Amino acid sequence: MKLSIVIPVYNEERTIGEVLERVWAVDLGAMEREVIIANDGSSDGTRRAIEASRWIGDPRVKSYDCPINLGKGAAVRIGLKFATGDILLIQDADTELDPNEYGRLLAPILEGRTDIVYGSRFLESTGRVGLRLRLANRLLTLLTNVLFGARLTDMETAYKVFRRETLDGIRLRCVGFDFEPEITAKFLRAGRRIVEVPVAYKPRHVNEGKKIRWIDGFDAVYALVKCRLGA
């Protein structure tokens, strides 16, 4: 069994090195792993930070650069294209989510209970999440549940883990943050079962590098409706 960890990154020179260290520090037992870094046209020192990592020379680490910034969805799709693992895991390049959760995220798949796991920031009570973010996520998740008959609590989570074959017959097109609702909608439309597990969350603010904006919420709604209509 092999795990591919896909890390989309855009202007995260302060955190990408730490994230790589955390990813490799996780004990996965006998499971093989690889890391796919998709640098989405970063304009800061992200490339230098990646090259400075002691892991960049490891053959299990692959790094790809896009000459311009296209968006998170485009970066994830690049990573998925080059991933060779049986299980695919998306890991953001910031430190909001902790790779130490991998065991919890992988367990339902390895136990044969599901082929897709989402790490929910809202299954367990937390006071860390700001009201605006909590409200926006709740509305988008509710819309997802209504449109696709799901019972999710955190559609927008970055922690999405799935067996490779769950992507069979699914064509991903979104290039921005609307990737999150698109892949969720297409999983659900294809009849895939998504299991959620609680994960810890350490949110950051815009002045710390957070990039998602209110306009991305409208893009998410559009993506959900478009997928529901079969586009």
Protein backbone atom coordinates (compact mmCIF):
# COMPACT_ATOMS: atom_id res chain seq x y z
CA MET A 1 0.00 0.00 0.00
CA LYS A 2 1.38 3.39 -1.01
CA LEU A 3 0.26 6.86 0.11
CA SER A 4 0.70 9.88 -2.15
CA ILE A 5 0.68 13.18 -0.25
CA VAL A 6 -0.14 16.05 -2.61
CA ILE A 7 0.92 19.50 -1.36
CA PRO A 8 -0.34 22.48 -3.40
CA VAL A 9 1.65 25.56 -2.45
CA TYR A 10 1.44 29.25 -3.27
CA ASN A 11 3.55 31.85 -1.45
CA GLU A 12 4.17 29.78 1.68
CA GLU A 13 7.90 30.35 2.18
CA ARG A 14 7.44 30.61 5.95
CA THR A 15 5.68 27.28 6.38
CA ILE A 16 6.45 24.87 3.52
CA GLY A 17 9.70 23.68 5.14
CA GLU A 18 7.96 22.96 8.44
CA VAL A 19 5.11 21.16 6.69
CA LEU A 20 7.55 18.88 4.87
CA GLU A 21 9.25 18.07 8.16
CA ARG A 22 5.90 17.26 9.80
CA VAL A 23 4.81 15.10 6.87
CA TRP A 24 7.93 12.96 7.06
CA ALA A 25 7.82 12.75 10.85
CA VAL A 26 4.47 10.92 10.78
CA ASP A 27 4.71 7.21 11.55
CA LEU A 28 2.86 5.30 8.82
CA GLY A 29 4.13 1.90 9.82
CA ALA A 30 4.90 -0.27 6.80
CA MET A 31 3.01 2.00 4.40
CA GLU A 32 5.13 3.46 1.63
CA ARG A 33 4.79 7.18 0.98
CA GLU A 34 5.66 9.80 -1.59
CA VAL A 35 5.25 13.57 -1.54
CA ILE A 36 4.20 15.58 -4.60
CA ILE A 37 4.77 19.34 -4.25
CA ALA A 38 2.90 21.49 -6.77
CA ASN A 39 4.27 25.04 -6.63
CA ASP A 40 1.56 27.23 -8.13
CA GLY A 41 3.57 30.14 -9.49
CA SER A 42 4.77 31.41 -6.10
CA SER A 43 6.28 34.90 -6.26
CA ASP A 44 8.00 34.89 -2.86
CA GLY A 45 10.75 32.62 -1.57
CA THR A 46 8.71 29.42 -1.66
CA ARG A 47 10.90 27.80 -4.33
CA ARG A 48 14.04 28.57 -2.31
CA ALA A 49 12.39 27.18 0.83
CA ILE A 50 11.53 23.97 -1.00
CA GLU A 51 15.06 23.61 -2.33
CA ALA A 52 16.46 24.26 1.15
CA SER A 53 14.52 21.36 2.65
CA ARG A 54 16.62 18.36 3.56
CA TRP A 55 13.96 16.18 1.96
CA ILE A 56 14.11 17.66 -1.53
CA GLY A 57 16.89 15.27 -2.54
CA ASP A 58 14.88 12.24 -1.47
CA PRO A 59 13.65 10.27 -4.53
CA ARG A 60 10.27 9.92 -2.84
CA VAL A 61 9.79 13.71 -3.12
CA LYS A 62 8.77 15.21 -6.44
CA SER A 63 8.39 18.93 -7.04
CA TYR A 64 6.67 20.60 -9.97
CA ASP A 65 6.47 24.29 -10.79
CA CYS A 66 3.77 26.19 -12.63
CA PRO A 67 5.17 29.39 -14.21
CA ILE A 68 2.08 31.40 -13.24
CA ASN A 69 -0.42 31.29 -10.39
CA LEU A 70 -3.53 29.43 -11.55
CA GLY A 71 -5.15 28.48 -8.24
CA LYS A 72 -5.34 25.71 -5.67
CA GLY A 73 -7.47 23.44 -7.83
CA ALA A 74 -4.95 23.60 -10.67
CA ALA A 75 -2.09 22.82 -8.28
CA VAL A 76 -3.93 19.85 -6.75
CA ARG A 77 -4.73 18.50 -10.20
CA ILE A 78 -1.05 18.70 -11.15
CA GLY A 79 -0.18 16.78 -8.01
CA LEU A 80 -2.83 14.13 -8.65
CA LYS A 81 -1.57 13.70 -12.20
CA PHE A 82 1.91 12.72 -11.02
CA ALA A 83 0.88 10.77 -7.91
CA THR A 84 1.47 7.01 -8.06
CA GLY A 85 -0.01 5.90 -4.73
CA ASP A 86 -2.96 3.65 -3.99
CA ILE A 87 -4.31 6.31 -1.60
CA LEU A 88 -4.16 10.05 -2.28
CA LEU A 89 -4.09 12.68 0.48
CA ILE A 90 -4.24 16.44 0.04
CA GLN A 91 -2.09 18.43 2.47
CA ASP A 92 -2.08 22.23 2.54
CA ALA A 93 1.30 23.96 2.72
CA ASP A 94 0.39 25.99 5.82
CA THR A 95 0.21 24.75 9.40
CA GLU A 96 -3.54 25.03 9.97
CA LEU A 97 -3.92 21.24 9.82
CA ASP A 98 -1.59 18.73 11.47
CA PRO A 99 -0.10 15.73 9.59
CA ASN A 100 -0.21 13.83 12.88
CA GLU A 101 -3.88 13.28 11.97
CA TYR A 102 -2.91 10.94 9.09
CA GLY A 103 -3.51 7.81 11.15
CA ARG A 104 -7.05 8.92 11.96
CA LEU A 105 -7.70 9.92 8.35
CA LEU A 106 -6.40 6.68 6.87
CA ALA A 107 -8.04 4.27 9.33
CA PRO A 108 -11.55 4.11 7.76
CA ILE A 109 -10.00 3.38 4.34
CA LEU A 110 -7.54 0.78 5.60
CA GLU A 111 -10.31 -0.90 7.59
CA GLY A 112 -12.44 -1.16 4.45
CA ARG A 113 -15.25 1.04 5.74
CA THR A 114 -15.06 3.60 2.93
CA ASP A 115 -12.92 4.78 0.03
CA ILE A 116 -13.10 8.50 0.89
CA VAL A 117 -12.39 10.30 4.17
CA TYR A 118 -12.72 14.00 5.00
CA GLY A 119 -11.11 15.55 8.05
CA SER A 120 -13.84 17.65 9.66
CA ARG A 121 -12.96 20.71 11.71
CA PHE A 122 -16.47 20.81 13.15
CA LEU A 123 -17.27 17.28 14.32
CA GLU A 124 -15.78 18.12 17.69
CA SER A 125 -16.33 21.40 19.51
CA THR A 126 -13.65 24.02 18.96
CA GLY A 127 -13.55 27.68 19.83
CA ARG A 128 -10.76 28.42 17.39
CA VAL A 129 -12.83 28.94 14.26
CA GLY A 130 -14.01 32.49 13.67
CA LEU A 131 -17.73 33.19 13.31
CA ARG A 132 -17.54 34.30 9.67
CA LEU A 133 -15.59 31.24 8.59
CA ARG A 134 -17.85 28.93 10.57
CA LEU A 135 -20.99 30.52 9.09
CA ALA A 136 -19.69 30.47 5.50
CA ASN A 137 -18.62 26.84 5.81
CA ARG A 138 -21.92 25.86 7.39
CA LEU A 139 -23.93 27.44 4.57
CA LEU A 140 -21.82 25.85 1.82
CA THR A 141 -21.91 22.46 3.53
CA LEU A 142 -25.68 22.73 4.00
CA LEU A 143 -26.10 23.52 0.31
CA THR A 144 -23.96 20.50 -0.55
CA ASN A 145 -26.08 18.27 1.67
CA VAL A 146 -29.34 19.57 0.22
CA LEU A 147 -28.22 19.26 -3.40
CA PHE A 148 -26.62 15.83 -3.09
CA GLY A 149 -28.39 14.16 -0.17
CA ALA A 150 -25.26 14.07 1.99
CA ARG A 151 -24.71 14.51 5.72
CA LEU A 152 -21.37 16.30 5.80
CA THR A 153 -20.21 18.79 8.42
CA ASP A 154 -17.17 20.25 6.63
CA MET A 155 -17.26 20.15 2.84
CA GLU A 156 -14.54 22.80 2.55
CA THR A 157 -11.93 20.93 4.58
CA ALA A 158 -8.50 20.70 3.00
CA TYR A 159 -8.01 17.18 4.36
CA LYS A 160 -9.47 14.96 1.68
CA VAL A 161 -8.18 11.38 1.44
CA PHE A 162 -9.34 8.83 -1.11
CA ARG A 163 -8.42 5.70 -2.98
CA ARG A 164 -7.13 6.34 -6.48
CA GLU A 165 -9.99 4.46 -8.14
CA THR A 166 -12.59 6.86 -6.71
CA LEU A 167 -11.47 9.32 -9.39
CA ASP A 168 -12.34 6.89 -12.18
CA GLY A 169 -14.87 8.53 -14.46
CA ILE A 170 -14.52 11.88 -12.69
CA ARG A 171 -13.18 14.87 -14.59
CA LEU A 172 -12.00 17.77 -12.45
CA ARG A 173 -12.07 21.20 -14.09
CA CYS A 174 -11.97 23.88 -11.37
CA VAL A 175 -8.67 25.71 -10.87
CA GLY A 176 -9.32 27.78 -7.72
CA PHE A 177 -10.73 27.13 -4.27
CA ASP A 178 -13.89 25.92 -6.02
CA PHE A 179 -11.98 22.64 -6.38
CA GLU A 180 -13.25 21.69 -2.91
CA PRO A 181 -16.98 21.79 -3.76
CA GLU A 182 -16.36 20.38 -7.23
CA ILE A 183 -14.59 17.20 -6.13
CA THR A 184 -17.08 16.73 -3.28
CA ALA A 185 -20.07 17.17 -5.59
CA LYS A 186 -18.66 14.80 -8.18
CA PHE A 187 -17.86 12.17 -5.55
CA LEU A 188 -21.41 12.36 -4.26
CA ARG A 189 -22.99 12.44 -7.70
CA ALA A 190 -21.03 9.29 -8.56
CA GLY A 191 -22.52 7.56 -5.51
CA ARG A 192 -19.31 7.60 -3.46
CA ARG A 193 -19.62 7.42 0.32
CA ILE A 194 -17.68 10.03 2.28
CA VAL A 195 -16.81 9.33 5.91
CA GLU A 196 -15.76 12.23 8.15
CA VAL A 197 -13.37 12.06 11.08
CA PRO A 198 -12.64 14.94 13.48
CA VAL A 199 -9.33 16.78 13.07
CA ALA A 200 -7.69 19.58 15.02
CA TYR A 201 -7.56 22.99 13.38
CA LYS A 202 -5.31 25.98 14.00
CA PRO A 203 -6.65 28.81 11.82
CA ARG A 204 -4.56 31.73 10.70
CA HIS A 205 -5.51 35.24 9.60
CA VAL A 206 -5.08 37.12 6.33
CA ASN A 207 -2.02 38.94 7.69
CA GLU A 208 -0.49 35.52 8.35
CA GLY A 209 -0.98 34.39 4.76
CA LYS A 210 -4.56 33.09 4.59
CA LYS A 211 -5.72 33.46 1.00
CA ILE A 212 -9.37 32.44 0.72
CA ARG A 213 -11.75 35.37 0.15
CA TRP A 214 -15.49 35.98 0.36
CA ILE A 215 -15.74 35.91 -3.45
CA ASP A 216 -14.57 32.30 -3.30
CA GLY A 217 -17.82 31.47 -1.54
CA PHE A 218 -19.81 32.56 -4.60
CA ASP A 219 -17.53 30.46 -6.82
CA ALA A 220 -18.24 27.49 -4.52
CA VAL A 221 -22.01 27.95 -4.85
CA TYR A 222 -21.69 28.15 -8.62
CA ALA A 223 -19.59 24.97 -8.71
CA LEU A 224 -22.10 23.05 -6.58
CA VAL A 225 -25.09 24.09 -8.66
CA LYS A 226 -23.25 23.43 -11.90
CA CYS A 227 -22.31 19.92 -10.77
CA ARG A 228 -25.87 19.24 -9.60
CA LEU A 229 -27.10 20.13 -13.09
CA GLY A 230 -24.65 17.66 -14.55
CA ALA A 231 -22.14 20.09 -16.05
